[in-house]
C-alpha cells in the first residue's frame, strides 16, 4: 500500500526526498545480529515497529529484477564496505548457510522507504527478502536476495508428524 505523500512524490517529485533504508538481519544470536543502513550522507533516526532505530549513512545501490518469464525474482543490493562493518554481518549470515551456526532465524533483508519529512513510519514497505548469495570486496558488499525462499521450501508443504497424527506412531 502506497501512502498519499509517496504517490505525490512519484507523480511530481518536488522537494520531498525518499530515503532508502536496509535492515540486514543475519539470523544469528551474536551482538552483530542486525545492521541498519540508509542511503544518505547523514545518519537518521526513524521509527520501526514502534521503536526508534538509528540508521547508519552509507552508499547503497539497488537493482531490480528483470521483467521476464524465468520465475526467479532476485534483487541485488550493493552496500559500501570501506570500513569493513558490513563484512562482519555478512560473515555471520554465511555461517548460518554453511551449517556452522544454525541458531537464530533465517538471514534476511528488510527494505523500507521513508520520506525525509516523516520518519515516524515507512512510506514504502517493509519488504522482506531472503539472502541467496553474498560477495564482499574491500570496497563493497553485493547481496543477492529474493522475495520468497523457494529452494528451502519443503514439498509437499503439509508434513505428516506424530504430533499432529498420533496414529503414525503405531504404523509399521
C-alpha atoms as a PDB file:
ATOM      1  CA  UNK A   1       0.000   0.000   0.000  1.00  0.00           C
ATOM      2  CA  UNK A   2       1.403   3.362  -1.019  1.00  0.00           C
ATOM      3  CA  UNK A   3       0.867   6.450   1.096  1.00  0.00           C
ATOM      4  CA  UNK A   4      -0.530   9.650  -0.412  1.00  0.00           C
ATOM      5  CA  UNK A   5       2.733  11.503   0.168  1.00  0.00           C
ATOM      6  CA  UNK A   6       4.695   8.761  -1.612  1.00  0.00           C
ATOM      7  CA  UNK A   7       2.247   8.787  -4.527  1.00  0.00           C
ATOM      8  CA  UNK A   8       2.665  12.558  -4.756  1.00  0.00           C
ATOM      9  CA  UNK A   9       6.464  12.150  -4.720  1.00  0.00           C
ATOM     10  CA  UNK A  10       6.366   9.601  -7.548  1.00  0.00           C
ATOM     11  CA  UNK A  11       4.000  11.763  -9.596  1.00  0.00           C
ATOM     12  CA  UNK A  12       5.592  15.179  -9.279  1.00  0.00           C
ATOM     13  CA  UNK A  13       8.907  14.972  -7.466  1.00  0.00           C
ATOM     14  CA  UNK A  14       9.151  18.309  -5.726  1.00  0.00           C
ATOM     15  CA  UNK A  15      11.260  18.931  -2.652  1.00  0.00           C
ATOM     16  CA  UNK A  16      10.427  15.642  -0.937  1.00  0.00           C
ATOM     17  CA  UNK A  17      13.210  13.051  -0.626  1.00  0.00           C
ATOM     18  CA  UNK A  18      12.757   9.285  -0.339  1.00  0.00           C
ATOM     19  CA  UNK A  19      15.302   7.684   1.996  1.00  0.00           C
ATOM     20  CA  UNK A  20      16.051   4.047   1.170  1.00  0.00           C
ATOM     21  CA  UNK A  21      16.790   2.007   4.301  1.00  0.00           C
ATOM     22  CA  UNK A  22      18.022  -1.528   4.653  1.00  0.00           C
ATOM     23  CA  UNK A  23      17.950  -3.792   7.688  1.00  0.00           C
ATOM     24  CA  UNK A  24      20.336  -6.733   7.438  1.00  0.00           C
ATOM     25  CA  UNK A  25      19.232  -9.459   9.850  1.00  0.00           C
ATOM     26  CA  UNK A  26      21.916 -12.155   9.912  1.00  0.00           C
ATOM     27  CA  UNK A  27      19.727 -14.590  11.792  1.00  0.00           C
ATOM     28  CA  UNK A  28      22.456 -15.370  14.294  1.00  0.00           C
ATOM     29  CA  UNK A  29      22.483 -14.942  18.035  1.00  0.00           C
ATOM     30  CA  UNK A  30      25.546 -12.696  18.465  1.00  0.00           C
ATOM     31  CA  UNK A  31      25.552  -8.962  19.179  1.00  0.00           C
ATOM     32  CA  UNK A  32      26.191  -8.403  15.469  1.00  0.00           C
ATOM     33  CA  UNK A  33      22.757  -9.687  14.536  1.00  0.00           C
ATOM     34  CA  UNK A  34      21.269  -6.619  12.839  1.00  0.00           C
ATOM     35  CA  UNK A  35      22.680  -3.793  10.798  1.00  0.00           C
ATOM     36  CA  UNK A  36      20.615  -0.697   9.979  1.00  0.00           C
ATOM     37  CA  UNK A  37      21.679   1.294   6.885  1.00  0.00           C
ATOM     38  CA  UNK A  38      20.317   4.304   4.992  1.00  0.00           C
ATOM     39  CA  UNK A  39      21.248   5.662   1.573  1.00  0.00           C
ATOM     40  CA  UNK A  40      22.176   9.148   2.720  1.00  0.00           C
ATOM     41  CA  UNK A  41      25.018  11.426   3.776  1.00  0.00           C
ATOM     42  CA  UNK A  42      23.790  11.654   7.368  1.00  0.00           C
ATOM     43  CA  UNK A  43      22.563   9.110   9.916  1.00  0.00           C
ATOM     44  CA  UNK A  44      18.822   9.175  10.599  1.00  0.00           C
ATOM     45  CA  UNK A  45      16.648   8.042  13.482  1.00  0.00           C
ATOM     46  CA  UNK A  46      13.338   6.560  12.354  1.00  0.00           C
ATOM     47  CA  UNK A  47      10.513   4.557  13.882  1.00  0.00           C
ATOM     48  CA  UNK A  48      10.499   0.811  13.167  1.00  0.00           C
ATOM     49  CA  UNK A  49       7.659  -1.235  14.663  1.00  0.00           C
ATOM     50  CA  UNK A  50       7.097   1.321  17.417  1.00  0.00           C
ATOM     51  CA  UNK A  51      10.772   1.653  18.410  1.00  0.00           C
ATOM     52  CA  UNK A  52      13.357   4.229  17.377  1.00  0.00           C
ATOM     53  CA  UNK A  53      16.244   2.892  15.301  1.00  0.00           C
ATOM     54  CA  UNK A  54      19.338   4.723  14.132  1.00  0.00           C
ATOM     55  CA  UNK A  55      20.221   4.000  10.518  1.00  0.00           C
ATOM     56  CA  UNK A  56      23.884   4.483   9.591  1.00  0.00           C
ATOM     57  CA  UNK A  57      24.525   6.536   6.462  1.00  0.00           C
ATOM     58  CA  UNK A  58      26.256   4.729   3.602  1.00  0.00           C
ATOM     59  CA  UNK A  59      26.400   4.465  -0.161  1.00  0.00           C
ATOM     60  CA  UNK A  60      23.858   1.951  -1.416  1.00  0.00           C
ATOM     61  CA  UNK A  61      22.607   0.780  -4.791  1.00  0.00           C
ATOM     62  CA  UNK A  62      19.557  -1.301  -5.641  1.00  0.00           C
ATOM     63  CA  UNK A  63      18.970  -3.150  -8.913  1.00  0.00           C
ATOM     64  CA  UNK A  64      15.522  -4.524  -9.611  1.00  0.00           C
ATOM     65  CA  UNK A  65      14.966  -7.928 -11.240  1.00  0.00           C
ATOM     66  CA  UNK A  66      14.414  -8.105 -14.985  1.00  0.00           C
ATOM     67  CA  UNK A  67      10.873  -8.408 -16.291  1.00  0.00           C
ATOM     68  CA  UNK A  68      10.927 -11.872 -17.833  1.00  0.00           C
ATOM     69  CA  UNK A  69       9.256 -15.239 -17.544  1.00  0.00           C
ATOM     70  CA  UNK A  70      12.097 -17.102 -15.792  1.00  0.00           C
ATOM     71  CA  UNK A  71      10.454 -17.225 -12.395  1.00  0.00           C
ATOM     72  CA  UNK A  72      13.387 -16.003 -10.299  1.00  0.00           C
ATOM     73  CA  UNK A  73      12.923 -12.515  -8.952  1.00  0.00           C
ATOM     74  CA  UNK A  74      16.320 -11.694  -7.476  1.00  0.00           C
ATOM     75  CA  UNK A  75      17.136  -8.205  -6.270  1.00  0.00           C
ATOM     76  CA  UNK A  76      20.725  -7.023  -5.864  1.00  0.00           C
ATOM     77  CA  UNK A  77      21.765  -4.654  -3.093  1.00  0.00           C
ATOM     78  CA  UNK A  78      25.264  -3.193  -3.237  1.00  0.00           C
ATOM     79  CA  UNK A  79      26.375  -1.599   0.024  1.00  0.00           C
ATOM     80  CA  UNK A  80      29.539   0.344   0.817  1.00  0.00           C
ATOM     81  CA  UNK A  81      32.018  -1.772   2.806  1.00  0.00           C
ATOM     82  CA  UNK A  82      35.018   0.557   3.030  1.00  0.00           C
ATOM     83  CA  UNK A  83      35.211   0.365   6.837  1.00  0.00           C
ATOM     84  CA  UNK A  84      34.552  -3.416   6.831  1.00  0.00           C
ATOM     85  CA  UNK A  85      31.441  -3.173   9.012  1.00  0.00           C
ATOM     86  CA  UNK A  86      29.138  -4.911   6.522  1.00  0.00           C
ATOM     87  CA  UNK A  87      31.521  -7.828   6.073  1.00  0.00           C
ATOM     88  CA  UNK A  88      31.257  -8.712   9.772  1.00  0.00           C
ATOM     89  CA  UNK A  89      27.485  -9.153   9.447  1.00  0.00           C
ATOM     90  CA  UNK A  90      27.752 -11.000   6.168  1.00  0.00           C
ATOM     91  CA  UNK A  91      30.223 -13.456   7.699  1.00  0.00           C
ATOM     92  CA  UNK A  92      27.628 -14.388  10.333  1.00  0.00           C
ATOM     93  CA  UNK A  93      24.967 -14.891   7.661  1.00  0.00           C
ATOM     94  CA  UNK A  94      27.309 -17.152   5.674  1.00  0.00           C
ATOM     95  CA  UNK A  95      27.989 -19.172   8.857  1.00  0.00           C
ATOM     96  CA  UNK A  96      24.247 -19.804   9.056  1.00  0.00           C
ATOM     97  CA  UNK A  97      24.173 -21.153   5.498  1.00  0.00           C
ATOM     98  CA  UNK A  98      27.251 -23.341   5.960  1.00  0.00           C
ATOM     99  CA  UNK A  99      25.667 -25.012   8.985  1.00  0.00           C
ATOM    100  CA  UNK A 100      28.310 -23.790  11.451  1.00  0.00           C
ATOM    101  CA  UNK A 101      25.779 -21.748  13.397  1.00  0.00           C
ATOM    102  CA  UNK A 102      22.121 -22.656  12.765  1.00  0.00           C
ATOM    103  CA  UNK A 103      20.871 -20.920  15.913  1.00  0.00           C
ATOM    104  CA  UNK A 104      18.537 -17.993  15.389  1.00  0.00           C
ATOM    105  CA  UNK A 105      16.277 -17.165  12.458  1.00  0.00           C
ATOM    106  CA  UNK A 106      16.811 -17.304   8.707  1.00  0.00           C
ATOM    107  CA  UNK A 107      19.091 -14.498   7.381  1.00  0.00           C
ATOM    108  CA  UNK A 108      17.090 -11.836   5.562  1.00  0.00           C
ATOM    109  CA  UNK A 109      16.954  -8.202   4.446  1.00  0.00           C
ATOM    110  CA  UNK A 110      14.176  -5.729   5.067  1.00  0.00           C
ATOM    111  CA  UNK A 111      13.776  -2.709   2.839  1.00  0.00           C
ATOM    112  CA  UNK A 112      11.842   0.360   3.979  1.00  0.00           C
ATOM    113  CA  UNK A 113      11.424   3.709   2.260  1.00  0.00           C
ATOM    114  CA  UNK A 114      10.982   6.780   4.458  1.00  0.00           C
ATOM    115  CA  UNK A 115      10.089  10.305   3.431  1.00  0.00           C
ATOM    116  CA  UNK A 116      12.645  12.741   4.805  1.00  0.00           C
ATOM    117  CA  UNK A 117       9.841  14.901   6.214  1.00  0.00           C
ATOM    118  CA  UNK A 118       8.145  11.990   8.047  1.00  0.00           C
ATOM    119  CA  UNK A 119      10.351   9.440   9.812  1.00  0.00           C
ATOM    120  CA  UNK A 120       7.564   8.160  12.070  1.00  0.00           C
ATOM    121  CA  UNK A 121       6.525   5.354   9.697  1.00  0.00           C
ATOM    122  CA  UNK A 122       7.808   3.914   6.432  1.00  0.00           C
ATOM    123  CA  UNK A 123       6.158   5.306   3.317  1.00  0.00           C
ATOM    124  CA  UNK A 124       7.115   2.159   1.369  1.00  0.00           C
ATOM    125  CA  UNK A 125       7.491  -1.303   2.801  1.00  0.00           C
ATOM    126  CA  UNK A 126       8.660  -3.094   4.749  1.00  0.00           C
ATOM    127  CA  UNK A 127       9.616  -5.631   2.081  1.00  0.00           C
ATOM    128  CA  UNK A 128      11.373  -8.769   3.280  1.00  0.00           C
ATOM    129  CA  UNK A 129      13.933 -10.568   1.136  1.00  0.00           C
ATOM    130  CA  UNK A 130      15.802 -13.810   1.768  1.00  0.00           C
ATOM    131  CA  UNK A 131      19.568 -13.709   1.222  1.00  0.00           C
ATOM    132  CA  UNK A 132      20.766 -16.015  -1.588  1.00  0.00           C
ATOM    133  CA  UNK A 133      24.367 -15.045  -2.286  1.00  0.00           C
ATOM    134  CA  UNK A 134      26.853 -12.529  -0.967  1.00  0.00           C
ATOM    135  CA  UNK A 135      30.074 -11.212  -2.483  1.00  0.00           C
ATOM    136  CA  UNK A 136      32.346  -8.990  -0.387  1.00  0.00           C
ATOM    137  CA  UNK A 137      35.283  -6.920  -1.561  1.00  0.00           C
ATOM    138  CA  UNK A 138      37.285  -4.288   0.272  1.00  0.00           C
ATOM    139  CA  UNK A 139      35.041  -1.577  -1.190  1.00  0.00           C
ATOM    140  CA  UNK A 140      31.556  -3.065  -1.374  1.00  0.00           C
ATOM    141  CA  UNK A 141      29.298  -5.953  -0.458  1.00  0.00           C
ATOM    142  CA  UNK A 142      26.820  -7.209  -3.044  1.00  0.00           C
ATOM    143  CA  UNK A 143      23.860  -9.125  -1.645  1.00  0.00           C
ATOM    144  CA  UNK A 144      21.504 -11.028  -3.924  1.00  0.00           C
ATOM    145  CA  UNK A 145      18.123 -11.732  -2.364  1.00  0.00           C
ATOM    146  CA  UNK A 146      14.685 -12.979  -3.400  1.00  0.00           C
ATOM    147  CA  UNK A 147      11.132 -12.330  -2.264  1.00  0.00           C
ATOM    148  CA  UNK A 148      10.389 -15.980  -1.490  1.00  0.00           C
ATOM    149  CA  UNK A 149      12.759 -18.739  -0.425  1.00  0.00           C
ATOM    150  CA  UNK A 150      11.692 -21.389  -2.923  1.00  0.00           C
ATOM    151  CA  UNK A 151      14.827 -23.538  -2.560  1.00  0.00           C
ATOM    152  CA  UNK A 152      14.360 -24.062   1.192  1.00  0.00           C
ATOM    153  CA  UNK A 153      10.619 -24.681   0.991  1.00  0.00           C
ATOM    154  CA  UNK A 154       9.579 -28.268   1.644  1.00  0.00           C
ATOM    155  CA  UNK A 155       7.326 -30.150  -0.748  1.00  0.00           C
ATOM    156  CA  UNK A 156       4.674 -31.183  -0.091  1.00  0.00           C
ATOM    157  CA  UNK A 157       4.050 -28.386   2.338  1.00  0.00           C
ATOM    158  CA  UNK A 158       1.897 -30.412   4.702  1.00  0.00           C
ATOM    159  CA  UNK A 159       4.011 -32.943   6.594  1.00  0.00           C
ATOM    160  CA  UNK A 160       2.642 -35.912   8.482  1.00  0.00           C
ATOM    161  CA  UNK A 161       4.088 -35.735  12.018  1.00  0.00           C
ATOM    162  CA  UNK A 162       3.272 -37.882  15.023  1.00  0.00           C
ATOM    163  CA  UNK A 163       2.388 -34.736  16.998  1.00  0.00           C
ATOM    164  CA  UNK A 164      -0.404 -33.948  14.520  1.00  0.00           C
ATOM    165  CA  UNK A 165      -1.337 -37.537  13.640  1.00  0.00           C
ATOM    166  CA  UNK A 166      -0.824 -39.772  16.714  1.00  0.00           C
ATOM    167  CA  UNK A 167      -1.704 -42.944  14.768  1.00  0.00           C
ATOM    168  CA  UNK A 168       1.599 -42.695  12.866  1.00  0.00           C
ATOM    169  CA  UNK A 169       3.472 -43.997  15.926  1.00  0.00           C
ATOM    170  CA  UNK A 170       1.803 -47.397  15.509  1.00  0.00           C
ATOM    171  CA  UNK A 171       2.223 -47.611  11.723  1.00  0.00           C
ATOM    172  CA  UNK A 172       4.833 -50.070  10.565  1.00  0.00           C
END
